[in-house]
C-alpha cells in the first residue's frame, strides 16, 4: 500500500485531495462525505469525532470553508502535510475552473449549456445534503442528540428565527441532556 512507503501519507494526501478537488461541484462542502470516508474509514487518520471537531474548527475560523483540508493535512503530517493537502485541493480545481471559464463564453448560444447549469443545481444540493447527514451521524452520540439536531434543522427550515438563537438553544439542550 502506498501509505506504508516513506512519505506515503503525503502521497495519499495529494492523490485523495486532488481527486476530491475535481469533484467539488458547488463548493467544498459537497465533498465532505467522501473526505470523511477516506480519512476516517479508509486511512484511519481520524476518528469520527476528530473529523467532526476539525470541521467545526474550520467552520468557526475566518477564511475559506475548506480549511478542514489544511487541518487534516496538519494532523497527518504536520506543516508539510497542511501545505500539501491544501495545494492538492486547490490547484486542480482552480486550473479546471480557469480553463472552463475561458471556454464557457463561446457556448452561450448552445442549448446544452443551460441544461448543464440546471442539472448542476440539484446535484450540488444533494452533495451538500449528504455532507450534512454525514456530520449528523458522526456527531450525534444519542437519540437525544439526534432529536436536538432534527429540531434545530426543522426550526431553521420552517421558521424565520435567527439561526444563532436556534444553535444556542440546541447547545443548551445538548448540555442539559448530556447529548
N, C-alpha and C. Protein backbone atom coordinates (compact mmCIF):
# COMPACT_ATOMS: atom_id res chain seq x y z
N UNK A 1 0.83 -1.18 0.00
CA UNK A 1 0.00 0.00 0.00
C UNK A 1 0.88 1.25 0.00
N UNK A 2 0.46 2.28 -0.71
CA UNK A 2 1.27 3.50 -0.84
C UNK A 2 1.54 4.18 0.49
N UNK A 3 0.56 4.16 1.40
CA UNK A 3 0.76 4.87 2.66
C UNK A 3 1.81 4.21 3.54
N UNK A 4 2.19 2.97 3.24
CA UNK A 4 3.23 2.30 4.00
C UNK A 4 4.64 2.71 3.58
N UNK A 5 4.78 3.33 2.42
CA UNK A 5 6.08 3.77 1.93
C UNK A 5 6.52 5.04 2.64
N UNK A 6 7.84 5.33 2.65
CA UNK A 6 8.28 6.62 3.21
C UNK A 6 7.63 7.76 2.44
N UNK A 7 7.03 8.68 3.16
CA UNK A 7 6.33 9.79 2.52
C UNK A 7 5.00 9.35 1.91
N UNK A 8 4.58 8.14 2.21
CA UNK A 8 3.36 7.60 1.62
C UNK A 8 2.11 8.37 2.02
N UNK A 9 2.07 8.85 3.27
CA UNK A 9 0.90 9.61 3.70
C UNK A 9 0.78 10.91 2.92
N UNK A 10 1.93 11.55 2.63
CA UNK A 10 1.89 12.77 1.82
C UNK A 10 1.39 12.47 0.42
N UNK A 11 1.84 11.37 -0.14
CA UNK A 11 1.39 10.98 -1.48
C UNK A 11 -0.11 10.69 -1.47
N UNK A 12 -0.58 10.03 -0.43
CA UNK A 12 -2.02 9.74 -0.32
C UNK A 12 -2.81 11.04 -0.17
N UNK A 13 -2.28 11.99 0.60
CA UNK A 13 -2.95 13.29 0.72
C UNK A 13 -3.11 13.94 -0.65
N UNK A 14 -2.04 13.91 -1.43
CA UNK A 14 -2.09 14.51 -2.77
C UNK A 14 -3.11 13.78 -3.64
N UNK A 15 -3.04 12.46 -3.67
CA UNK A 15 -3.95 11.70 -4.52
C UNK A 15 -5.42 11.90 -4.12
N UNK A 16 -5.69 11.81 -2.84
CA UNK A 16 -7.08 11.96 -2.38
C UNK A 16 -7.62 13.36 -2.63
N UNK A 17 -6.87 14.36 -2.20
CA UNK A 17 -7.41 15.71 -2.28
C UNK A 17 -7.39 16.27 -3.69
N UNK A 18 -6.48 15.84 -4.53
CA UNK A 18 -6.51 16.26 -5.94
C UNK A 18 -7.75 15.69 -6.62
N UNK A 19 -8.05 14.42 -6.33
CA UNK A 19 -9.26 13.80 -6.89
C UNK A 19 -10.52 14.50 -6.37
N UNK A 20 -10.57 14.73 -5.06
CA UNK A 20 -11.73 15.40 -4.48
C UNK A 20 -11.89 16.82 -5.01
N UNK A 21 -10.79 17.46 -5.30
CA UNK A 21 -10.81 18.81 -5.85
C UNK A 21 -11.64 18.88 -7.12
N UNK A 22 -11.52 17.88 -7.94
CA UNK A 22 -12.22 17.87 -9.22
C UNK A 22 -13.68 17.44 -9.07
N UNK A 23 -14.05 16.93 -7.91
CA UNK A 23 -15.42 16.51 -7.67
C UNK A 23 -16.23 17.53 -6.86
N UNK A 24 -15.60 18.59 -6.43
CA UNK A 24 -16.25 19.57 -5.54
C UNK A 24 -17.20 20.47 -6.31
N UNK A 25 -18.24 19.89 -6.86
CA UNK A 25 -19.24 20.65 -7.61
C UNK A 25 -20.08 21.45 -6.62
N UNK A 26 -20.08 22.75 -6.75
CA UNK A 26 -20.88 23.59 -5.88
C UNK A 26 -20.21 23.99 -4.59
N UNK A 27 -18.95 23.68 -4.43
CA UNK A 27 -18.24 24.09 -3.24
C UNK A 27 -17.65 22.93 -2.48
N UNK A 28 -16.83 23.27 -1.53
CA UNK A 28 -16.10 22.27 -0.79
C UNK A 28 -16.96 21.35 0.07
N UNK A 29 -18.07 21.85 0.59
CA UNK A 29 -18.90 21.01 1.45
C UNK A 29 -19.51 19.83 0.70
N UNK A 30 -19.54 19.89 -0.61
CA UNK A 30 -20.11 18.79 -1.38
C UNK A 30 -19.22 17.54 -1.35
N UNK A 31 -17.96 17.68 -0.96
CA UNK A 31 -17.07 16.52 -0.93
C UNK A 31 -16.85 15.99 0.49
N UNK A 32 -17.55 16.54 1.47
CA UNK A 32 -17.35 16.10 2.85
C UNK A 32 -17.60 14.61 3.07
N UNK A 33 -18.66 14.02 2.53
CA UNK A 33 -18.85 12.58 2.77
C UNK A 33 -17.69 11.73 2.27
N UNK A 34 -17.18 12.04 1.10
CA UNK A 34 -16.06 11.25 0.58
C UNK A 34 -14.78 11.55 1.36
N UNK A 35 -14.60 12.81 1.75
CA UNK A 35 -13.44 13.16 2.56
C UNK A 35 -13.49 12.40 3.89
N UNK A 36 -14.67 12.33 4.48
CA UNK A 36 -14.85 11.57 5.72
C UNK A 36 -14.51 10.10 5.49
N UNK A 37 -15.06 9.53 4.43
CA UNK A 37 -14.83 8.11 4.14
C UNK A 37 -13.33 7.82 4.00
N UNK A 38 -12.64 8.67 3.25
CA UNK A 38 -11.22 8.43 3.00
C UNK A 38 -10.36 8.62 4.25
N UNK A 39 -10.64 9.66 5.02
CA UNK A 39 -9.78 9.98 6.16
C UNK A 39 -10.12 9.18 7.41
N UNK A 40 -11.39 8.80 7.56
CA UNK A 40 -11.81 8.08 8.76
C UNK A 40 -11.89 6.57 8.50
N UNK A 41 -12.56 6.18 7.44
CA UNK A 41 -12.84 4.76 7.23
C UNK A 41 -11.74 4.03 6.44
N UNK A 42 -11.11 4.72 5.49
CA UNK A 42 -10.10 4.05 4.66
C UNK A 42 -8.71 4.15 5.30
N UNK A 43 -8.24 5.35 5.54
CA UNK A 43 -6.88 5.54 6.05
C UNK A 43 -6.78 5.53 7.57
N UNK A 44 -7.90 5.74 8.27
CA UNK A 44 -7.92 5.78 9.75
C UNK A 44 -7.00 6.86 10.30
N UNK A 45 -6.90 7.96 9.58
CA UNK A 45 -6.11 9.09 10.07
C UNK A 45 -6.84 9.79 11.20
N UNK A 46 -8.18 9.75 11.17
CA UNK A 46 -9.01 10.45 12.14
C UNK A 46 -10.10 9.52 12.64
N UNK A 47 -10.60 9.82 13.84
CA UNK A 47 -11.81 9.17 14.32
C UNK A 47 -13.00 10.01 13.85
N UNK A 48 -14.21 9.47 13.90
CA UNK A 48 -15.37 10.29 13.52
C UNK A 48 -15.47 11.58 14.34
N UNK A 49 -15.17 11.49 15.63
CA UNK A 49 -15.23 12.67 16.49
C UNK A 49 -14.17 13.70 16.11
N UNK A 50 -12.96 13.22 15.81
CA UNK A 50 -11.90 14.15 15.39
C UNK A 50 -12.27 14.85 14.08
N UNK A 51 -12.86 14.11 13.14
CA UNK A 51 -13.28 14.72 11.88
C UNK A 51 -14.31 15.81 12.15
N UNK A 52 -15.31 15.50 12.97
CA UNK A 52 -16.34 16.50 13.29
C UNK A 52 -15.73 17.70 14.00
N UNK A 53 -14.78 17.46 14.90
CA UNK A 53 -14.12 18.56 15.60
C UNK A 53 -13.33 19.44 14.63
N UNK A 54 -12.59 18.82 13.72
CA UNK A 54 -11.82 19.60 12.74
C UNK A 54 -12.75 20.39 11.83
N UNK A 55 -13.89 19.79 11.46
CA UNK A 55 -14.86 20.51 10.63
C UNK A 55 -15.39 21.73 11.39
N UNK A 56 -15.72 21.55 12.67
CA UNK A 56 -16.23 22.66 13.47
C UNK A 56 -15.20 23.78 13.59
N UNK A 57 -13.95 23.41 13.83
CA UNK A 57 -12.88 24.42 13.92
C UNK A 57 -12.73 25.15 12.59
N UNK A 58 -12.76 24.40 11.48
CA UNK A 58 -12.61 25.01 10.16
C UNK A 58 -13.75 25.97 9.86
N UNK A 59 -14.95 25.63 10.28
CA UNK A 59 -16.09 26.50 10.01
C UNK A 59 -16.09 27.73 10.91
N UNK A 60 -15.55 27.60 12.12
CA UNK A 60 -15.52 28.73 13.05
C UNK A 60 -14.38 29.70 12.74
N UNK A 61 -13.42 29.25 11.98
CA UNK A 61 -12.26 30.07 11.66
C UNK A 61 -12.55 30.95 10.45
N UNK A 62 -12.15 32.22 10.51
CA UNK A 62 -12.34 33.07 9.32
C UNK A 62 -11.53 32.53 8.14
N UNK A 63 -12.08 32.66 6.97
CA UNK A 63 -11.38 32.21 5.77
C UNK A 63 -12.24 31.24 4.99
N UNK A 64 -11.62 30.55 4.05
CA UNK A 64 -12.38 29.64 3.21
C UNK A 64 -12.97 28.48 4.02
N UNK A 65 -14.12 27.98 3.55
CA UNK A 65 -14.78 26.93 4.31
C UNK A 65 -14.10 25.58 4.19
N UNK A 66 -13.07 25.47 3.40
CA UNK A 66 -12.38 24.19 3.26
C UNK A 66 -11.08 24.14 4.05
N UNK A 67 -10.98 24.90 5.11
CA UNK A 67 -9.81 24.83 5.97
C UNK A 67 -9.68 23.46 6.62
N UNK A 68 -10.75 22.67 6.60
CA UNK A 68 -10.66 21.32 7.15
C UNK A 68 -9.57 20.51 6.44
N UNK A 69 -9.38 20.77 5.16
CA UNK A 69 -8.34 20.05 4.41
C UNK A 69 -6.96 20.37 4.99
N UNK A 70 -6.73 21.62 5.28
CA UNK A 70 -5.46 22.04 5.87
C UNK A 70 -5.28 21.39 7.24
N UNK A 71 -6.36 21.35 8.03
CA UNK A 71 -6.29 20.74 9.36
C UNK A 71 -6.04 19.23 9.28
N UNK A 72 -6.66 18.58 8.31
CA UNK A 72 -6.42 17.14 8.13
C UNK A 72 -4.96 16.91 7.74
N UNK A 73 -4.45 17.72 6.81
CA UNK A 73 -3.05 17.60 6.41
C UNK A 73 -2.12 17.81 7.59
N UNK A 74 -2.44 18.80 8.43
CA UNK A 74 -1.62 19.07 9.63
C UNK A 74 -1.66 17.86 10.55
N UNK A 75 -2.83 17.28 10.74
CA UNK A 75 -2.99 16.13 11.62
C UNK A 75 -2.17 14.93 11.11
N UNK A 76 -2.14 14.76 9.80
CA UNK A 76 -1.47 13.61 9.21
C UNK A 76 0.05 13.79 9.16
N UNK A 77 0.51 14.98 8.76
CA UNK A 77 1.96 15.14 8.51
C UNK A 77 2.49 16.52 8.87
N UNK A 78 1.89 17.19 9.84
CA UNK A 78 2.42 18.48 10.29
C UNK A 78 2.29 19.57 9.23
N UNK A 79 3.21 20.53 9.28
CA UNK A 79 3.17 21.68 8.39
C UNK A 79 3.25 21.27 6.93
N UNK A 80 4.12 20.32 6.61
CA UNK A 80 4.26 19.86 5.23
C UNK A 80 2.94 19.22 4.76
N UNK A 81 2.31 18.46 5.63
CA UNK A 81 1.02 17.86 5.30
C UNK A 81 -0.06 18.90 5.08
N UNK A 82 -0.07 19.94 5.91
CA UNK A 82 -1.06 21.01 5.76
C UNK A 82 -0.91 21.70 4.40
N UNK A 83 0.33 22.04 4.04
CA UNK A 83 0.57 22.69 2.75
C UNK A 83 0.26 21.75 1.59
N UNK A 84 0.65 20.51 1.72
CA UNK A 84 0.42 19.52 0.66
C UNK A 84 -1.06 19.32 0.41
N UNK A 85 -1.83 19.09 1.47
CA UNK A 85 -3.27 18.85 1.32
C UNK A 85 -3.96 20.07 0.74
N UNK A 86 -3.60 21.26 1.22
CA UNK A 86 -4.24 22.49 0.74
C UNK A 86 -3.96 22.71 -0.74
N UNK A 87 -2.72 22.56 -1.13
CA UNK A 87 -2.37 22.75 -2.55
C UNK A 87 -3.00 21.66 -3.43
N UNK A 88 -3.05 20.43 -2.92
CA UNK A 88 -3.66 19.35 -3.70
C UNK A 88 -5.14 19.59 -3.92
N UNK A 89 -5.81 20.25 -2.97
CA UNK A 89 -7.23 20.55 -3.15
C UNK A 89 -7.43 21.76 -4.06
N UNK A 90 -6.56 22.73 -3.97
CA UNK A 90 -6.78 24.00 -4.68
C UNK A 90 -6.30 23.99 -6.14
N UNK A 91 -5.15 23.45 -6.41
CA UNK A 91 -4.56 23.58 -7.75
C UNK A 91 -5.39 22.91 -8.84
N UNK A 92 -5.82 21.66 -8.71
CA UNK A 92 -6.59 21.06 -9.81
C UNK A 92 -7.92 21.78 -10.09
N UNK A 93 -8.67 22.10 -9.05
CA UNK A 93 -9.96 22.75 -9.29
C UNK A 93 -9.79 24.17 -9.82
N UNK A 94 -8.80 24.89 -9.33
CA UNK A 94 -8.57 26.25 -9.84
C UNK A 94 -8.16 26.20 -11.31
N UNK A 95 -7.32 25.25 -11.66
CA UNK A 95 -6.90 25.11 -13.05
C UNK A 95 -8.08 24.75 -13.95
N UNK A 96 -8.89 23.79 -13.52
CA UNK A 96 -10.06 23.40 -14.30
C UNK A 96 -11.06 24.55 -14.42
N UNK A 97 -11.29 25.27 -13.34
CA UNK A 97 -12.21 26.41 -13.37
C UNK A 97 -11.73 27.46 -14.35
N UNK A 98 -10.46 27.75 -14.33
CA UNK A 98 -9.90 28.74 -15.24
C UNK A 98 -10.11 28.31 -16.70
N UNK A 99 -9.83 27.06 -16.99
CA UNK A 99 -9.96 26.57 -18.37
C UNK A 99 -11.42 26.56 -18.83
N UNK A 100 -12.31 26.10 -17.97
CA UNK A 100 -13.73 26.05 -18.33
C UNK A 100 -14.28 27.47 -18.49
N UNK A 101 -13.92 28.37 -17.58
CA UNK A 101 -14.41 29.74 -17.66
C UNK A 101 -13.99 30.40 -18.98
N UNK A 102 -12.76 30.15 -19.39
CA UNK A 102 -12.28 30.75 -20.65
C UNK A 102 -13.07 30.23 -21.84
N UNK A 103 -13.47 28.96 -21.81
CA UNK A 103 -14.19 28.37 -22.94
C UNK A 103 -15.70 28.55 -22.85
N UNK A 104 -16.24 28.75 -21.64
CA UNK A 104 -17.69 28.76 -21.41
C UNK A 104 -18.41 29.83 -22.22
N UNK A 105 -17.82 30.97 -22.35
CA UNK A 105 -18.45 32.06 -23.09
C UNK A 105 -18.71 31.74 -24.56
N UNK A 106 -17.90 30.89 -25.13
CA UNK A 106 -18.07 30.53 -26.54
C UNK A 106 -19.33 29.69 -26.78
N UNK A 107 -19.90 29.14 -25.71
CA UNK A 107 -21.05 28.25 -25.85
C UNK A 107 -22.34 28.89 -25.34
N UNK A 108 -22.38 30.23 -25.26
CA UNK A 108 -23.53 30.93 -24.70
C UNK A 108 -24.83 30.63 -25.44
N UNK A 109 -24.76 30.38 -26.73
CA UNK A 109 -25.98 30.16 -27.53
C UNK A 109 -26.34 28.68 -27.66
N UNK A 110 -25.63 27.81 -27.04
CA UNK A 110 -25.90 26.38 -27.16
C UNK A 110 -26.95 25.94 -26.15
N UNK A 111 -27.92 25.14 -26.54
CA UNK A 111 -28.97 24.72 -25.60
C UNK A 111 -28.45 23.81 -24.48
N UNK A 112 -27.41 23.06 -24.74
CA UNK A 112 -26.89 22.17 -23.71
C UNK A 112 -26.26 22.92 -22.55
N UNK A 113 -25.83 24.17 -22.80
CA UNK A 113 -25.21 24.95 -21.72
C UNK A 113 -26.21 25.20 -20.61
N UNK A 114 -27.44 25.59 -20.96
CA UNK A 114 -28.47 25.83 -19.94
C UNK A 114 -28.82 24.52 -19.23
N UNK A 115 -28.85 23.41 -19.97
CA UNK A 115 -29.16 22.12 -19.36
C UNK A 115 -28.08 21.73 -18.35
N UNK A 116 -26.84 21.99 -18.68
CA UNK A 116 -25.75 21.67 -17.75
C UNK A 116 -25.89 22.50 -16.48
N UNK A 117 -26.16 23.78 -16.64
CA UNK A 117 -26.31 24.65 -15.48
C UNK A 117 -27.50 24.24 -14.62
N UNK A 118 -28.62 23.90 -15.22
CA UNK A 118 -29.79 23.46 -14.47
C UNK A 118 -29.54 22.11 -13.78
N UNK A 119 -28.80 21.24 -14.42
CA UNK A 119 -28.52 19.93 -13.84
C UNK A 119 -27.55 19.97 -12.68
N UNK A 120 -26.67 20.96 -12.67
CA UNK A 120 -25.69 21.04 -11.59
C UNK A 120 -26.33 21.48 -10.27
N UNK A 121 -27.42 22.24 -10.32
CA UNK A 121 -28.05 22.74 -9.09
C UNK A 121 -28.54 21.60 -8.19
N UNK A 122 -29.36 20.65 -8.68
CA UNK A 122 -29.80 19.58 -7.78
C UNK A 122 -28.64 18.65 -7.36
N UNK A 123 -27.67 18.49 -8.23
CA UNK A 123 -26.51 17.69 -7.88
C UNK A 123 -25.79 18.31 -6.68
N UNK A 124 -25.61 19.61 -6.73
CA UNK A 124 -24.94 20.31 -5.65
C UNK A 124 -25.74 20.21 -4.35
N UNK A 125 -27.05 20.40 -4.44
CA UNK A 125 -27.89 20.31 -3.24
C UNK A 125 -27.79 18.91 -2.63
N UNK A 126 -27.83 17.90 -3.46
CA UNK A 126 -27.72 16.53 -2.96
C UNK A 126 -26.37 16.25 -2.30
N UNK A 127 -25.31 16.73 -2.89
CA UNK A 127 -23.98 16.51 -2.31
C UNK A 127 -23.81 17.23 -0.98
N UNK A 128 -24.32 18.46 -0.90
CA UNK A 128 -24.23 19.21 0.36
C UNK A 128 -25.11 18.55 1.42
N UNK A 129 -26.30 18.07 1.04
CA UNK A 129 -27.18 17.37 1.99
C UNK A 129 -26.52 16.10 2.50
N UNK A 130 -25.83 15.38 1.62
CA UNK A 130 -25.12 14.17 2.05
C UNK A 130 -24.02 14.52 3.05
N UNK A 131 -23.36 15.64 2.84
CA UNK A 131 -22.34 16.09 3.79
C UNK A 131 -22.95 16.43 5.14
N UNK A 132 -24.10 17.08 5.13
CA UNK A 132 -24.78 17.41 6.39
C UNK A 132 -25.19 16.14 7.13
N UNK A 133 -25.73 15.17 6.41
CA UNK A 133 -26.13 13.90 7.03
C UNK A 133 -24.92 13.19 7.63
N UNK A 134 -23.82 13.19 6.92
CA UNK A 134 -22.60 12.55 7.43
C UNK A 134 -22.15 13.21 8.73
N UNK A 135 -22.22 14.53 8.80
CA UNK A 135 -21.82 15.23 10.03
C UNK A 135 -22.77 14.92 11.17
N UNK A 136 -24.07 14.81 10.87
CA UNK A 136 -25.04 14.45 11.90
C UNK A 136 -24.72 13.07 12.46
N UNK A 137 -24.47 12.12 11.59
CA UNK A 137 -24.19 10.76 12.03
C UNK A 137 -22.86 10.66 12.79
N UNK A 138 -21.92 11.52 12.46
CA UNK A 138 -20.62 11.50 13.13
C UNK A 138 -20.65 12.19 14.49
N UNK A 139 -21.62 13.08 14.70
CA UNK A 139 -21.62 13.86 15.94
C UNK A 139 -22.71 13.48 16.92
N UNK A 140 -23.85 13.02 16.45
CA UNK A 140 -24.94 12.68 17.36
C UNK A 140 -24.60 11.37 18.06
N UNK A 141 -24.43 11.45 19.37
CA UNK A 141 -23.99 10.27 20.11
C UNK A 141 -25.14 9.57 20.84
N UNK A 142 -26.35 10.12 20.69
CA UNK A 142 -27.51 9.53 21.38
C UNK A 142 -28.78 9.90 20.63
N UNK A 143 -29.88 9.27 21.04
CA UNK A 143 -31.17 9.63 20.46
C UNK A 143 -31.54 11.07 20.79
N UNK A 144 -31.17 11.52 21.98
CA UNK A 144 -31.44 12.90 22.38
C UNK A 144 -30.66 13.86 21.46
N UNK A 145 -29.43 13.51 21.14
CA UNK A 145 -28.64 14.34 20.23
C UNK A 145 -29.27 14.40 18.85
N UNK A 146 -29.75 13.27 18.36
CA UNK A 146 -30.43 13.25 17.05
C UNK A 146 -31.69 14.11 17.09
N UNK A 147 -32.44 14.04 18.19
CA UNK A 147 -33.67 14.83 18.32
C UNK A 147 -33.35 16.33 18.34
N UNK A 148 -32.29 16.70 19.04
CA UNK A 148 -31.88 18.11 19.08
C UNK A 148 -31.49 18.60 17.69
N UNK A 149 -30.73 17.79 16.98
CA UNK A 149 -30.31 18.16 15.62
C UNK A 149 -31.52 18.29 14.71
N UNK A 150 -32.44 17.33 14.79
CA UNK A 150 -33.65 17.37 13.95
C UNK A 150 -34.50 18.59 14.28
N UNK A 151 -34.66 18.89 15.56
CA UNK A 151 -35.46 20.06 15.95
C UNK A 151 -34.81 21.36 15.48
N UNK A 152 -33.49 21.44 15.59
CA UNK A 152 -32.78 22.64 15.14
C UNK A 152 -32.90 22.81 13.63
N UNK A 153 -32.74 21.73 12.90
CA UNK A 153 -32.87 21.79 11.44
C UNK A 153 -34.29 22.19 11.04
N UNK A 154 -35.29 21.61 11.70
CA UNK A 154 -36.68 21.96 11.40
C UNK A 154 -36.95 23.43 11.73
N UNK A 155 -36.42 23.88 12.86
CA UNK A 155 -36.59 25.29 13.23
C UNK A 155 -35.96 26.22 12.21
N UNK A 156 -34.80 25.85 11.72
CA UNK A 156 -34.12 26.69 10.71
C UNK A 156 -34.89 26.70 9.40
N UNK A 157 -35.48 25.55 9.07
CA UNK A 157 -36.18 25.44 7.78
C UNK A 157 -37.56 26.08 7.81
N UNK A 158 -38.30 25.86 8.89
CA UNK A 158 -39.71 26.25 8.91
C UNK A 158 -39.98 27.59 9.59
N UNK A 159 -39.00 28.20 10.20
CA UNK A 159 -39.24 29.48 10.87
C UNK A 159 -38.30 30.54 10.30
N UNK A 160 -38.54 31.74 10.72
CA UNK A 160 -37.68 32.85 10.31
C UNK A 160 -36.77 33.28 11.46
N UNK A 161 -36.61 32.40 12.44
CA UNK A 161 -35.75 32.71 13.57
C UNK A 161 -34.30 32.78 13.12
N UNK A 162 -33.56 33.64 13.79
CA UNK A 162 -32.13 33.75 13.51
C UNK A 162 -31.47 32.43 13.89
N UNK A 163 -30.69 31.83 12.99
CA UNK A 163 -30.05 30.54 13.29
C UNK A 163 -29.15 30.57 14.52
N UNK A 164 -28.62 31.72 14.87
CA UNK A 164 -27.77 31.81 16.06
C UNK A 164 -28.58 31.43 17.30
N UNK A 165 -29.83 31.92 17.38
CA UNK A 165 -30.67 31.57 18.54
C UNK A 165 -30.98 30.08 18.56
N UNK A 166 -31.24 29.53 17.40
CA UNK A 166 -31.51 28.09 17.33
C UNK A 166 -30.29 27.28 17.78
N UNK A 167 -29.11 27.69 17.33
CA UNK A 167 -27.89 26.98 17.72
C UNK A 167 -27.60 27.12 19.22
N UNK A 168 -27.87 28.29 19.77
CA UNK A 168 -27.68 28.48 21.21
C UNK A 168 -28.64 27.59 22.00
N UNK A 169 -29.90 27.53 21.56
CA UNK A 169 -30.88 26.65 22.22
C UNK A 169 -30.46 25.19 22.09
N UNK A 170 -29.97 24.80 20.93
CA UNK A 170 -29.51 23.43 20.72
C UNK A 170 -28.33 23.11 21.63
N UNK A 171 -27.40 24.06 21.76
CA UNK A 171 -26.24 23.84 22.63
C UNK A 171 -26.68 23.70 24.09
N UNK A 172 -27.61 24.54 24.51
CA UNK A 172 -28.11 24.45 25.88
C UNK A 172 -28.83 23.13 26.12
N UNK A 173 -29.66 22.72 25.16
CA UNK A 173 -30.38 21.45 25.30
C UNK A 173 -29.40 20.28 25.33
N UNK A 174 -28.39 20.32 24.48
CA UNK A 174 -27.38 19.26 24.46
C UNK A 174 -26.63 19.19 25.78
N UNK A 175 -26.33 20.34 26.34
CA UNK A 175 -25.62 20.37 27.62
C UNK A 175 -26.50 19.80 28.74
N UNK A 176 -27.75 20.27 28.78
CA UNK A 176 -28.66 19.82 29.84
C UNK A 176 -29.00 18.33 29.74
N UNK A 177 -29.13 17.83 28.52
CA UNK A 177 -29.47 16.43 28.31
C UNK A 177 -28.25 15.52 28.23
N UNK A 178 -27.08 16.09 28.21
CA UNK A 178 -25.86 15.30 28.10
C UNK A 178 -25.72 14.64 26.74
N UNK A 179 -26.29 15.28 25.73
CA UNK A 179 -26.27 14.71 24.38
C UNK A 179 -25.03 15.08 23.63
